[in-house]
């Protein structure tokens, strides 16, 4: 394996660790929201709002469809914690 490939993989590993930390922070906030929320925890209009906002912010190379699928899963997992 080339040194360049090792460096790139190390950067990916570091990003994965950062994303894991951020995902767990998001999940903890979802738990807090669940404790404070009165009424149903699932609000499809809020989910749609989040997806539209992120799609506008996305500059690639991740395709919009892939980003949407990822965030639907993330929001589903966080909603389960609410």
C-alpha atoms as a PDB file:
ATOM      1  CA  UNK A   1       0.000   0.000   0.000  1.00  0.00           C
ATOM      2  CA  UNK A   2       1.382   3.395  -0.950  1.00  0.00           C
ATOM      3  CA  UNK A   3       2.078   6.092   1.615  1.00  0.00           C
ATOM      4  CA  UNK A   4      -0.496   8.305  -0.104  1.00  0.00           C
ATOM      5  CA  UNK A   5      -3.183   5.638   0.274  1.00  0.00           C
ATOM      6  CA  UNK A   6      -2.278   5.145   3.949  1.00  0.00           C
ATOM      7  CA  UNK A   7      -2.587   8.891   4.541  1.00  0.00           C
ATOM      8  CA  UNK A   8      -5.945   9.077   2.791  1.00  0.00           C
ATOM      9  CA  UNK A   9      -7.276   6.129   4.779  1.00  0.00           C
ATOM     10  CA  UNK A  10      -6.048   7.696   8.014  1.00  0.00           C
ATOM     11  CA  UNK A  11      -7.931  10.887   7.133  1.00  0.00           C
ATOM     12  CA  UNK A  12     -11.078   8.869   6.439  1.00  0.00           C
ATOM     13  CA  UNK A  13     -10.672   7.077   9.788  1.00  0.00           C
ATOM     14  CA  UNK A  14     -10.357  10.429  11.559  1.00  0.00           C
ATOM     15  CA  UNK A  15     -13.453  11.764   9.797  1.00  0.00           C
ATOM     16  CA  UNK A  16     -15.379   8.603  10.718  1.00  0.00           C
ATOM     17  CA  UNK A  17     -14.478   9.138  14.369  1.00  0.00           C
ATOM     18  CA  UNK A  18     -15.592  12.772  14.181  1.00  0.00           C
ATOM     19  CA  UNK A  19     -18.858  11.812  12.486  1.00  0.00           C
ATOM     20  CA  UNK A  20     -19.492   9.138  15.123  1.00  0.00           C
ATOM     21  CA  UNK A  21     -19.057  11.715  17.874  1.00  0.00           C
ATOM     22  CA  UNK A  22     -21.369  14.169  16.094  1.00  0.00           C
ATOM     23  CA  UNK A  23     -24.009  11.497  15.464  1.00  0.00           C
ATOM     24  CA  UNK A  24     -24.003  10.604  19.149  1.00  0.00           C
ATOM     25  CA  UNK A  25     -24.321  14.282  20.065  1.00  0.00           C
ATOM     26  CA  UNK A  26     -27.315  14.517  17.718  1.00  0.00           C
ATOM     27  CA  UNK A  27     -28.829  11.400  19.297  1.00  0.00           C
ATOM     28  CA  UNK A  28     -28.395  12.831  22.799  1.00  0.00           C
ATOM     29  CA  UNK A  29     -30.192  16.005  21.709  1.00  0.00           C
ATOM     30  CA  UNK A  30     -33.007  13.884  20.270  1.00  0.00           C
ATOM     31  CA  UNK A  31     -33.335  12.204  23.663  1.00  0.00           C
ATOM     32  CA  UNK A  32     -33.601  15.612  25.336  1.00  0.00           C
ATOM     33  CA  UNK A  33     -36.237  16.694  22.827  1.00  0.00           C
ATOM     34  CA  UNK A  34     -38.183  13.506  23.525  1.00  0.00           C
ATOM     35  CA  UNK A  35     -38.218  14.284  27.240  1.00  0.00           C
ATOM     36  CA  UNK A  36     -39.416  17.850  26.653  1.00  0.00           C
ATOM     37  CA  UNK A  37     -41.871  17.177  23.843  1.00  0.00           C
ATOM     38  CA  UNK A  38     -45.590  17.121  24.418  1.00  0.00           C
ATOM     39  CA  UNK A  39     -47.557  15.222  21.819  1.00  0.00           C
ATOM     40  CA  UNK A  40     -46.351  13.085  18.927  1.00  0.00           C
ATOM     41  CA  UNK A  41     -42.605  12.820  18.440  1.00  0.00           C
ATOM     42  CA  UNK A  42     -42.774  12.368  14.671  1.00  0.00           C
ATOM     43  CA  UNK A  43     -43.357  15.522  12.682  1.00  0.00           C
ATOM     44  CA  UNK A  44     -42.985  14.796   8.966  1.00  0.00           C
ATOM     45  CA  UNK A  45     -42.981  18.517   8.132  1.00  0.00           C
ATOM     46  CA  UNK A  46     -39.902  19.014  10.351  1.00  0.00           C
ATOM     47  CA  UNK A  47     -38.143  16.091   8.689  1.00  0.00           C
ATOM     48  CA  UNK A  48     -38.936  17.509   5.237  1.00  0.00           C
ATOM     49  CA  UNK A  49     -37.649  20.928   6.337  1.00  0.00           C
ATOM     50  CA  UNK A  50     -34.344  19.420   7.506  1.00  0.00           C
ATOM     51  CA  UNK A  51     -33.935  17.449   4.273  1.00  0.00           C
ATOM     52  CA  UNK A  52     -34.624  20.512   2.095  1.00  0.00           C
ATOM     53  CA  UNK A  53     -32.165  22.644   4.075  1.00  0.00           C
ATOM     54  CA  UNK A  54     -29.397  20.052   3.834  1.00  0.00           C
ATOM     55  CA  UNK A  55     -30.031  19.477   0.119  1.00  0.00           C
ATOM     56  CA  UNK A  56     -29.560  23.210  -0.472  1.00  0.00           C
ATOM     57  CA  UNK A  57     -26.321  23.211   1.524  1.00  0.00           C
ATOM     58  CA  UNK A  58     -24.909  20.138  -0.217  1.00  0.00           C
ATOM     59  CA  UNK A  59     -22.123  21.016  -2.643  1.00  0.00           C
ATOM     60  CA  UNK A  60     -21.163  17.419  -3.420  1.00  0.00           C
ATOM     61  CA  UNK A  61     -19.631  15.188  -4.446  1.00  0.00           C
ATOM     62  CA  UNK A  62     -22.240  13.239  -2.440  1.00  0.00           C
ATOM     63  CA  UNK A  63     -25.375  13.076  -4.612  1.00  0.00           C
ATOM     64  CA  UNK A  64     -28.559  14.593  -3.217  1.00  0.00           C
ATOM     65  CA  UNK A  65     -30.337  11.215  -3.249  1.00  0.00           C
ATOM     66  CA  UNK A  66     -27.585   9.576  -1.202  1.00  0.00           C
ATOM     67  CA  UNK A  67     -27.563  12.458   1.283  1.00  0.00           C
ATOM     68  CA  UNK A  68     -31.327  12.193   1.670  1.00  0.00           C
ATOM     69  CA  UNK A  69     -31.164   8.433   2.287  1.00  0.00           C
ATOM     70  CA  UNK A  70     -28.462   8.899   4.915  1.00  0.00           C
ATOM     71  CA  UNK A  71     -30.378  11.585   6.747  1.00  0.00           C
ATOM     72  CA  UNK A  72     -33.659   9.683   6.653  1.00  0.00           C
ATOM     73  CA  UNK A  73     -31.850   6.842   8.448  1.00  0.00           C
ATOM     74  CA  UNK A  74     -30.149   9.197  10.914  1.00  0.00           C
ATOM     75  CA  UNK A  75     -33.439  10.913  11.745  1.00  0.00           C
ATOM     76  CA  UNK A  76     -35.200   7.570  12.091  1.00  0.00           C
ATOM     77  CA  UNK A  77     -32.601   6.316  14.552  1.00  0.00           C
ATOM     78  CA  UNK A  78     -32.755   9.563  16.525  1.00  0.00           C
ATOM     79  CA  UNK A  79     -36.558   9.548  16.496  1.00  0.00           C
ATOM     80  CA  UNK A  80     -36.464   6.060  18.047  1.00  0.00           C
ATOM     81  CA  UNK A  81     -34.536   7.590  20.975  1.00  0.00           C
ATOM     82  CA  UNK A  82     -37.149  10.286  21.516  1.00  0.00           C
END
